[in-house]
Amino acid sequence: MAITAARECTWTIATNANWMSISGNRSGQGEATIAYNVAANPAPAPRSGTISVGAQTVQVSQAAAPCQFSLSRTQDAISSSGGRLSFDVSTMNGCGWTAASTVSWIDVRGQSGNASGTVTLTVESNSGGQRVGRVNAGGQSYTVTQAAATSGPSPTPSPSPGPSPVPPPAPGDRVFLAGAIFNVSGRCPDVTFTISDTTVVADRSTDYRKSDCGDLKEGRTAAVEGVTIATGVVRAMTIVVEKKEEKDSANP
């Protein structure tokens, strides 16, 4: 900022806003050029302040910070019986958002906010095939995959049945899987793949031991510890991927 004054005239400079600071001398005599700094605006609202030189003032206006939104989760799987799911919306105080479902079988609670908040979903039971629905919140998309309805009654067992197969783990049971990785889809950290005909869902909460999300590639071998969230679907808690280059270096 340039100050024009006669050589004999003295002046002082000050600001009434703590987000503006004066560089260099705050007083002087005659003509001068004074630099000042403006801090980034952390709020989604414009603001203004003044810089005073003697009896003269200059108003400085700063634009609002842009509102940005992120979701704690971007996808979930649920059994055919339905139930409740939830995810968090993160944003600055003063940033408004709404949440809405694109399908009738997902009911949304916590449909709007003016800061960070939680959206709760009630998913109806499914009597048909596998289906996918989405909820949009703050311009971000959250996907729900619901398993198909359970098939009809089991056939009558033969008079001399063999050993009963081990029943699949119930939702919430801890399971361990190991084998080759196939059908990799999604983008880190939200990735879906299969091991031994079981669908594995990884997200930002998954802990990768001696590996990372980018190591989930077709044909590699992985060990997974997780919990079941639906028939044939496991949410991964820990994953260890055996990387080919490590095997090669260990066996020259």
C-alpha atoms as a PDB file:
ATOM      1  CA  MET A   1       0.000   0.000   0.000  1.00  0.00           C
ATOM      2  CA  ALA A   2       1.428   3.411  -1.023  1.00  0.00           C
ATOM      3  CA  ILE A   3       1.340   6.402   1.378  1.00  0.00           C
ATOM      4  CA  THR A   4       1.548   9.892  -0.133  1.00  0.00           C
ATOM      5  CA  ALA A   5       2.481  12.713   2.263  1.00  0.00           C
ATOM      6  CA  ALA A   6       4.707  15.780   2.427  1.00  0.00           C
ATOM      7  CA  ARG A   7       8.249  15.120   3.599  1.00  0.00           C
ATOM      8  CA  GLU A   8       7.657  16.952   6.897  1.00  0.00           C
ATOM      9  CA  CYS A   9       4.433  15.016   7.707  1.00  0.00           C
ATOM     10  CA  THR A  10       4.593  12.044  10.067  1.00  0.00           C
ATOM     11  CA  TRP A  11       2.115   9.149  10.069  1.00  0.00           C
ATOM     12  CA  THR A  12       1.223   5.862  11.816  1.00  0.00           C
ATOM     13  CA  ILE A  13      -0.505   2.811  10.379  1.00  0.00           C
ATOM     14  CA  ALA A  14      -2.763   0.241  12.131  1.00  0.00           C
ATOM     15  CA  THR A  15      -5.440  -2.359  11.379  1.00  0.00           C
ATOM     16  CA  ASN A  16      -8.609  -3.264  13.272  1.00  0.00           C
ATOM     17  CA  ALA A  17      -8.596  -6.946  12.174  1.00  0.00           C
ATOM     18  CA  ASN A  18      -6.443  -9.637  13.783  1.00  0.00           C
ATOM     19  CA  TRP A  19      -6.327 -11.541  10.461  1.00  0.00           C
ATOM     20  CA  MET A  20      -4.372  -8.681   8.841  1.00  0.00           C
ATOM     21  CA  SER A  21      -0.813  -7.829   9.842  1.00  0.00           C
ATOM     22  CA  ILE A  22       1.430  -4.879   8.916  1.00  0.00           C
ATOM     23  CA  SER A  23       4.920  -5.704   7.639  1.00  0.00           C
ATOM     24  CA  GLY A  24       7.780  -3.399   8.589  1.00  0.00           C
ATOM     25  CA  ASN A  25       7.502  -0.031  10.330  1.00  0.00           C
ATOM     26  CA  ARG A  26       4.131   1.087  11.657  1.00  0.00           C
ATOM     27  CA  SER A  27       5.120   4.772  11.590  1.00  0.00           C
ATOM     28  CA  GLY A  28       7.142   7.055   9.367  1.00  0.00           C
ATOM     29  CA  GLN A  29       7.484  10.387   7.655  1.00  0.00           C
ATOM     30  CA  GLY A  30       6.742  11.457   4.089  1.00  0.00           C
ATOM     31  CA  GLU A  31       5.990   9.046   1.252  1.00  0.00           C
ATOM     32  CA  ALA A  32       6.294   5.279   1.798  1.00  0.00           C
ATOM     33  CA  THR A  33       5.116   1.887   0.604  1.00  0.00           C
ATOM     34  CA  ILE A  34       3.821  -0.435   3.319  1.00  0.00           C
ATOM     35  CA  ALA A  35       3.235  -4.168   2.863  1.00  0.00           C
ATOM     36  CA  TYR A  36       0.540  -6.056   4.779  1.00  0.00           C
ATOM     37  CA  ASN A  37      -0.490  -9.696   5.001  1.00  0.00           C
ATOM     38  CA  VAL A  38      -3.970 -11.240   4.996  1.00  0.00           C
ATOM     39  CA  ALA A  39      -4.476 -14.680   6.581  1.00  0.00           C
ATOM     40  CA  ALA A  40      -6.611 -17.372   4.912  1.00  0.00           C
ATOM     41  CA  ASN A  41     -10.305 -17.195   5.793  1.00  0.00           C
ATOM     42  CA  PRO A  42     -11.286 -20.361   7.742  1.00  0.00           C
ATOM     43  CA  ALA A  43     -15.036 -19.650   7.693  1.00  0.00           C
ATOM     44  CA  PRO A  44     -17.651 -20.013   4.913  1.00  0.00           C
ATOM     45  CA  ALA A  45     -18.601 -16.328   5.232  1.00  0.00           C
ATOM     46  CA  PRO A  46     -16.951 -13.183   3.818  1.00  0.00           C
ATOM     47  CA  ARG A  47     -15.239 -10.757   6.182  1.00  0.00           C
ATOM     48  CA  SER A  48     -13.859  -7.213   6.073  1.00  0.00           C
ATOM     49  CA  GLY A  49     -11.499  -4.992   8.059  1.00  0.00           C
ATOM     50  CA  THR A  50      -9.767  -1.635   7.760  1.00  0.00           C
ATOM     51  CA  ILE A  51      -6.238  -0.305   7.639  1.00  0.00           C
ATOM     52  CA  SER A  52      -5.856   3.227   9.025  1.00  0.00           C
ATOM     53  CA  VAL A  53      -3.109   5.723   8.123  1.00  0.00           C
ATOM     54  CA  GLY A  54      -3.632   8.864  10.154  1.00  0.00           C
ATOM     55  CA  ALA A  55      -7.215   9.963   9.497  1.00  0.00           C
ATOM     56  CA  GLN A  56      -7.484   7.929   6.285  1.00  0.00           C
ATOM     57  CA  THR A  57      -8.834   4.352   6.155  1.00  0.00           C
ATOM     58  CA  VAL A  58      -8.718   1.613   3.545  1.00  0.00           C
ATOM     59  CA  GLN A  59     -11.296  -1.200   3.673  1.00  0.00           C
ATOM     60  CA  VAL A  60     -10.103  -4.745   2.918  1.00  0.00           C
ATOM     61  CA  SER A  61     -12.747  -7.379   2.009  1.00  0.00           C
ATOM     62  CA  GLN A  62     -12.011 -11.117   1.904  1.00  0.00           C
ATOM     63  CA  ALA A  63     -14.139 -13.808   0.224  1.00  0.00           C
ATOM     64  CA  ALA A  64     -15.660 -16.706   2.169  1.00  0.00           C
ATOM     65  CA  ALA A  65     -13.843 -20.050   2.390  1.00  0.00           C
ATOM     66  CA  PRO A  66     -15.402 -22.649   0.034  1.00  0.00           C
ATOM     67  CA  CYS A  67     -17.513 -25.358   1.689  1.00  0.00           C
ATOM     68  CA  GLN A  68     -16.110 -28.868   1.239  1.00  0.00           C
ATOM     69  CA  PHE A  69     -17.734 -32.127   2.342  1.00  0.00           C
ATOM     70  CA  SER A  70     -16.386 -35.634   2.984  1.00  0.00           C
ATOM     71  CA  LEU A  71     -17.977 -38.897   4.177  1.00  0.00           C
ATOM     72  CA  SER A  72     -16.532 -41.257   6.786  1.00  0.00           C
ATOM     73  CA  ARG A  73     -17.650 -44.181   4.586  1.00  0.00           C
ATOM     74  CA  THR A  74     -18.632 -44.353   0.930  1.00  0.00           C
ATOM     75  CA  GLN A  75     -20.176 -47.852   0.806  1.00  0.00           C
ATOM     76  CA  ASP A  76     -21.630 -50.648   2.927  1.00  0.00           C
ATOM     77  CA  ALA A  77     -23.164 -54.092   2.458  1.00  0.00           C
ATOM     78  CA  ILE A  78     -26.160 -55.382   4.419  1.00  0.00           C
ATOM     79  CA  SER A  79     -28.082 -58.657   4.637  1.00  0.00           C
ATOM     80  CA  SER A  80     -31.476 -59.254   2.986  1.00  0.00           C
ATOM     81  CA  SER A  81     -33.195 -58.780   6.356  1.00  0.00           C
ATOM     82  CA  GLY A  82     -32.221 -55.094   6.331  1.00  0.00           C
ATOM     83  CA  GLY A  83     -31.362 -52.996   9.372  1.00  0.00           C
ATOM     84  CA  ARG A  84     -29.583 -49.750  10.206  1.00  0.00           C
ATOM     85  CA  LEU A  85     -26.446 -48.172   8.774  1.00  0.00           C
ATOM     86  CA  SER A  86     -24.805 -44.803   9.385  1.00  0.00           C
ATOM     87  CA  PHE A  87     -22.016 -42.559   8.146  1.00  0.00           C
ATOM     88  CA  ASP A  88     -20.599 -39.175   9.145  1.00  0.00           C
ATOM     89  CA  VAL A  89     -20.534 -35.973   7.072  1.00  0.00           C
ATOM     90  CA  SER A  90     -17.510 -33.734   7.781  1.00  0.00           C
ATOM     91  CA  THR A  91     -17.446 -30.038   6.898  1.00  0.00           C
ATOM     92  CA  MET A  92     -16.874 -26.572   8.424  1.00  0.00           C
ATOM     93  CA  ASN A  93     -19.347 -24.907  10.767  1.00  0.00           C
ATOM     94  CA  GLY A  94     -21.728 -22.862   8.666  1.00  0.00           C
ATOM     95  CA  CYS A  95     -21.638 -25.159   5.623  1.00  0.00           C
ATOM     96  CA  GLY A  96     -25.130 -26.473   4.914  1.00  0.00           C
ATOM     97  CA  TRP A  97     -25.874 -29.906   3.411  1.00  0.00           C
ATOM     98  CA  THR A  98     -28.788 -32.287   2.858  1.00  0.00           C
ATOM     99  CA  ALA A  99     -28.965 -36.080   2.563  1.00  0.00           C
ATOM    100  CA  ALA A 100     -31.433 -37.891   0.300  1.00  0.00           C
ATOM    101  CA  SER A 101     -31.902 -41.482  -0.842  1.00  0.00           C
ATOM    102  CA  THR A 102     -32.252 -42.375  -4.518  1.00  0.00           C
ATOM    103  CA  VAL A 103     -34.389 -45.467  -3.714  1.00  0.00           C
ATOM    104  CA  SER A 104     -37.574 -46.012  -1.725  1.00  0.00           C
ATOM    105  CA  TRP A 105     -36.217 -48.903   0.386  1.00  0.00           C
ATOM    106  CA  ILE A 106     -33.632 -46.725   2.169  1.00  0.00           C
ATOM    107  CA  ASP A 107     -35.095 -44.267   4.711  1.00  0.00           C
ATOM    108  CA  VAL A 108     -32.831 -41.369   5.752  1.00  0.00           C
ATOM    109  CA  ARG A 109     -32.604 -39.875   9.258  1.00  0.00           C
ATOM    110  CA  GLY A 110     -30.502 -36.774   9.874  1.00  0.00           C
ATOM    111  CA  GLN A 111     -31.409 -35.342   6.495  1.00  0.00           C
ATOM    112  CA  SER A 112     -29.641 -31.980   6.799  1.00  0.00           C
ATOM    113  CA  GLY A 113     -27.056 -30.040   8.764  1.00  0.00           C
ATOM    114  CA  ASN A 114     -25.091 -26.816   8.999  1.00  0.00           C
ATOM    115  CA  ALA A 115     -21.866 -28.416  10.265  1.00  0.00           C
ATOM    116  CA  SER A 116     -20.425 -31.929  10.622  1.00  0.00           C
ATOM    117  CA  GLY A 117     -23.077 -34.530  11.496  1.00  0.00           C
ATOM    118  CA  THR A 118     -24.216 -38.157  11.301  1.00  0.00           C
ATOM    119  CA  VAL A 119     -26.681 -39.631   8.789  1.00  0.00           C
ATOM    120  CA  THR A 120     -28.585 -42.754   9.901  1.00  0.00           C
ATOM    121  CA  LEU A 121     -30.261 -45.074   7.396  1.00  0.00           C
ATOM    122  CA  THR A 122     -32.985 -47.671   7.849  1.00  0.00           C
ATOM    123  CA  VAL A 123     -32.855 -50.352   5.133  1.00  0.00           C
ATOM    124  CA  GLU A 124     -36.020 -52.395   4.478  1.00  0.00           C
ATOM    125  CA  SER A 125     -35.923 -56.185   4.126  1.00  0.00           C
ATOM    126  CA  ASN A 126     -35.346 -57.527   0.616  1.00  0.00           C
ATOM    127  CA  SER A 127     -37.637 -60.170  -0.904  1.00  0.00           C
ATOM    128  CA  GLY A 128     -35.944 -60.226  -4.326  1.00  0.00           C
ATOM    129  CA  GLY A 129     -32.490 -60.302  -5.873  1.00  0.00           C
ATOM    130  CA  GLN A 130     -29.421 -58.349  -4.830  1.00  0.00           C
ATOM    131  CA  ARG A 131     -29.980 -54.598  -5.121  1.00  0.00           C
ATOM    132  CA  VAL A 132     -27.963 -51.398  -4.871  1.00  0.00           C
ATOM    133  CA  GLY A 133     -29.104 -47.994  -3.621  1.00  0.00           C
ATOM    134  CA  ARG A 134     -27.373 -44.676  -3.060  1.00  0.00           C
ATOM    135  CA  VAL A 135     -27.652 -41.772  -0.643  1.00  0.00           C
ATOM    136  CA  ASN A 136     -26.349 -38.354  -1.670  1.00  0.00           C
ATOM    137  CA  ALA A 137     -25.070 -36.058   1.112  1.00  0.00           C
ATOM    138  CA  GLY A 138     -23.254 -32.768   0.574  1.00  0.00           C
ATOM    139  CA  GLY A 139     -22.646 -33.683  -3.047  1.00  0.00           C
ATOM    140  CA  GLN A 140     -20.964 -36.965  -2.028  1.00  0.00           C
ATOM    141  CA  SER A 141     -22.341 -40.465  -2.765  1.00  0.00           C
ATOM    142  CA  TYR A 142     -22.766 -43.360  -0.295  1.00  0.00           C
ATOM    143  CA  THR A 143     -23.619 -46.801  -1.755  1.00  0.00           C
ATOM    144  CA  VAL A 144     -25.613 -49.571  -0.056  1.00  0.00           C
ATOM    145  CA  THR A 145     -25.480 -53.130  -1.471  1.00  0.00           C
ATOM    146  CA  GLN A 146     -28.195 -55.425  -0.095  1.00  0.00           C
ATOM    147  CA  ALA A 147     -27.998 -59.204  -0.419  1.00  0.00           C
ATOM    148  CA  ALA A 148     -30.680 -61.190  -2.239  1.00  0.00           C
ATOM    149  CA  ALA A 149     -33.502 -62.826  -0.322  1.00  0.00           C
ATOM    150  CA  THR A 150     -32.847 -66.254   1.139  1.00  0.00           C
ATOM    151  CA  SER A 151     -33.948 -69.090  -1.166  1.00  0.00           C
ATOM    152  CA  GLY A 152     -36.918 -71.395  -0.414  1.00  0.00           C
ATOM    153  CA  PRO A 153     -37.023 -74.235   2.129  1.00  0.00           C
ATOM    154  CA  SER A 154     -34.103 -76.650   2.244  1.00  0.00           C
ATOM    155  CA  PRO A 155     -34.621 -80.056   0.592  1.00  0.00           C
ATOM    156  CA  THR A 156     -35.489 -83.046   2.803  1.00  0.00           C
ATOM    157  CA  PRO A 157     -32.295 -84.798   3.897  1.00  0.00           C
ATOM    158  CA  SER A 158     -31.617 -88.323   2.674  1.00  0.00           C
ATOM    159  CA  PRO A 159     -32.121 -91.250   5.111  1.00  0.00           C
ATOM    160  CA  SER A 160     -28.379 -91.618   5.578  1.00  0.00           C
ATOM    161  CA  PRO A 161     -26.944 -88.149   5.375  1.00  0.00           C
ATOM    162  CA  GLY A 162     -23.250 -87.554   5.319  1.00  0.00           C
ATOM    163  CA  PRO A 163     -21.490 -85.145   7.659  1.00  0.00           C
ATOM    164  CA  SER A 164     -23.317 -81.827   7.864  1.00  0.00           C
ATOM    165  CA  PRO A 165     -21.477 -78.967   6.192  1.00  0.00           C
ATOM    166  CA  VAL A 166     -20.083 -76.263   8.417  1.00  0.00           C
ATOM    167  CA  PRO A 167     -22.683 -73.468   8.474  1.00  0.00           C
ATOM    168  CA  PRO A 168     -21.595 -70.089   7.120  1.00  0.00           C
ATOM    169  CA  PRO A 169     -20.582 -67.582   9.790  1.00  0.00           C
ATOM    170  CA  ALA A 170     -23.383 -65.411  11.122  1.00  0.00           C
ATOM    171  CA  PRO A 171     -23.206 -61.626  10.668  1.00  0.00           C
ATOM    172  CA  GLY A 172     -20.773 -60.205  13.197  1.00  0.00           C
ATOM    173  CA  ASP A 173     -18.657 -63.411  13.491  1.00  0.00           C
ATOM    174  CA  ARG A 174     -14.904 -63.056  13.110  1.00  0.00           C
ATOM    175  CA  VAL A 175     -13.496 -64.983  10.157  1.00  0.00           C
ATOM    176  CA  PHE A 176     -10.076 -65.683   8.630  1.00  0.00           C
ATOM    177  CA  LEU A 177      -9.512 -66.064   4.884  1.00  0.00           C
ATOM    178  CA  ALA A 178      -6.420 -66.822   2.849  1.00  0.00           C
ATOM    179  CA  GLY A 179      -5.929 -67.360  -0.853  1.00  0.00           C
ATOM    180  CA  ALA A 180      -5.647 -65.694  -4.235  1.00  0.00           C
ATOM    181  CA  ILE A 181      -7.228 -62.289  -4.879  1.00  0.00           C
ATOM    182  CA  PHE A 182      -9.792 -61.964  -7.691  1.00  0.00           C
ATOM    183  CA  ASN A 183     -12.443 -59.513  -8.949  1.00  0.00           C
ATOM    184  CA  VAL A 184     -10.732 -56.386  -7.555  1.00  0.00           C
ATOM    185  CA  SER A 185     -12.883 -53.248  -7.909  1.00  0.00           C
ATOM    186  CA  GLY A 186     -13.182 -49.788  -6.372  1.00  0.00           C
ATOM    187  CA  ARG A 187     -10.607 -47.153  -5.502  1.00  0.00           C
ATOM    188  CA  CYS A 188      -8.414 -47.021  -2.387  1.00  0.00           C
ATOM    189  CA  PRO A 189      -9.305 -46.977   0.445  1.00  0.00           C
ATOM    190  CA  ASP A 190     -12.722 -48.430  -0.592  1.00  0.00           C
ATOM    191  CA  VAL A 191     -11.907 -51.675  -2.432  1.00  0.00           C
ATOM    192  CA  THR A 192     -13.903 -54.874  -2.967  1.00  0.00           C
ATOM    193  CA  PHE A 193     -12.403 -58.250  -3.974  1.00  0.00           C
ATOM    194  CA  THR A 194     -12.987 -61.976  -3.555  1.00  0.00           C
ATOM    195  CA  ILE A 195     -11.038 -64.768  -1.859  1.00  0.00           C
ATOM    196  CA  SER A 196     -12.354 -68.361  -2.047  1.00  0.00           C
ATOM    197  CA  ASP A 197     -15.748 -67.193  -3.371  1.00  0.00           C
ATOM    198  CA  THR A 198     -16.152 -64.787  -0.412  1.00  0.00           C
ATOM    199  CA  THR A 199     -16.582 -61.067  -1.063  1.00  0.00           C
ATOM    200  CA  VAL A 200     -14.231 -58.901   1.012  1.00  0.00           C
ATOM    201  CA  VAL A 201     -14.909 -55.176   1.564  1.00  0.00           C
ATOM    202  CA  ALA A 202     -11.959 -52.961   2.612  1.00  0.00           C
ATOM    203  CA  ASP A 203     -12.227 -49.297   3.652  1.00  0.00           C
ATOM    204  CA  ARG A 204     -10.325 -46.562   5.454  1.00  0.00           C
ATOM    205  CA  SER A 205     -10.591 -48.481   8.775  1.00  0.00           C
ATOM    206  CA  THR A 206      -8.768 -51.561   7.375  1.00  0.00           C
ATOM    207  CA  ASP A 207      -5.257 -52.163   8.797  1.00  0.00           C
ATOM    208  CA  TYR A 208      -2.704 -53.347   6.216  1.00  0.00           C
ATOM    209  CA  ARG A 209       0.155 -55.353   7.750  1.00  0.00           C
ATOM    210  CA  LYS A 210       3.449 -55.103   5.828  1.00  0.00           C
ATOM    211  CA  SER A 211       1.431 -53.994   2.786  1.00  0.00           C
ATOM    212  CA  ASP A 212      -0.990 -51.311   1.678  1.00  0.00           C
ATOM    213  CA  CYS A 213      -4.237 -50.890  -0.265  1.00  0.00           C
ATOM    214  CA  GLY A 214      -2.378 -50.531  -3.550  1.00  0.00           C
ATOM    215  CA  ASP A 215      -1.017 -54.071  -3.191  1.00  0.00           C
ATOM    216  CA  LEU A 216      -4.510 -55.573  -3.695  1.00  0.00           C
ATOM    217  CA  LYS A 217      -3.986 -56.883  -7.243  1.00  0.00           C
ATOM    218  CA  GLU A 218      -5.440 -59.748  -9.232  1.00  0.00           C
ATOM    219  CA  GLY A 219      -3.742 -63.096  -8.597  1.00  0.00           C
ATOM    220  CA  ARG A 220      -1.761 -62.057  -5.520  1.00  0.00           C
ATOM    221  CA  THR A 221      -2.160 -64.043  -2.295  1.00  0.00           C
ATOM    222  CA  ALA A 222      -3.611 -62.373   0.794  1.00  0.00           C
ATOM    223  CA  ALA A 223      -4.592 -63.265   4.354  1.00  0.00           C
ATOM    224  CA  VAL A 224      -7.671 -61.465   5.720  1.00  0.00           C
ATOM    225  CA  GLU A 225      -9.082 -61.178   9.235  1.00  0.00           C
ATOM    226  CA  GLY A 226     -12.521 -59.598   9.429  1.00  0.00           C
ATOM    227  CA  VAL A 227     -16.153 -59.848  10.472  1.00  0.00           C
ATOM    228  CA  THR A 228     -19.162 -60.949   8.449  1.00  0.00           C
ATOM    229  CA  ILE A 229     -21.678 -58.233   7.591  1.00  0.00           C
ATOM    230  CA  ALA A 230     -23.896 -60.328   5.307  1.00  0.00           C
ATOM    231  CA  THR A 231     -24.020 -63.808   3.818  1.00  0.00           C
ATOM    232  CA  GLY A 232     -20.835 -64.241   1.794  1.00  0.00           C
ATOM    233  CA  VAL A 233     -19.583 -60.689   2.612  1.00  0.00           C
ATOM    234  CA  VAL A 234     -16.720 -59.912   5.032  1.00  0.00           C
ATOM    235  CA  ARG A 235     -15.574 -56.483   6.176  1.00  0.00           C
ATOM    236  CA  ALA A 236     -11.770 -56.625   6.461  1.00  0.00           C
ATOM    237  CA  MET A 237     -10.148 -55.520   9.722  1.00  0.00           C
ATOM    238  CA  THR A 238      -6.591 -56.558   8.781  1.00  0.00           C
ATOM    239  CA  ILE A 239      -5.074 -57.594   5.452  1.00  0.00           C
ATOM    240  CA  VAL A 240      -1.609 -58.981   4.666  1.00  0.00           C
ATOM    241  CA  VAL A 241      -0.781 -59.096   0.952  1.00  0.00           C
ATOM    242  CA  GLU A 242       2.058 -61.340  -0.201  1.00  0.00           C
ATOM    243  CA  LYS A 243       3.842 -59.232  -2.803  1.00  0.00           C
ATOM    244  CA  LYS A 244       5.563 -61.095  -5.650  1.00  0.00           C
ATOM    245  CA  GLU A 245       8.654 -58.929  -5.559  1.00  0.00           C
ATOM    246  CA  GLU A 246       9.232 -59.824  -1.898  1.00  0.00           C
ATOM    247  CA  LYS A 247       9.103 -63.560  -2.715  1.00  0.00           C
ATOM    248  CA  ASP A 248      11.549 -63.090  -5.599  1.00  0.00           C
ATOM    249  CA  SER A 249      14.058 -61.210  -3.414  1.00  0.00           C
ATOM    250  CA  ALA A 250      13.815 -63.869  -0.703  1.00  0.00           C
ATOM    251  CA  ASN A 251      14.568 -66.697  -3.207  1.00  0.00           C
ATOM    252  CA  PRO A 252      17.218 -65.457  -5.676  1.00  0.00           C
END
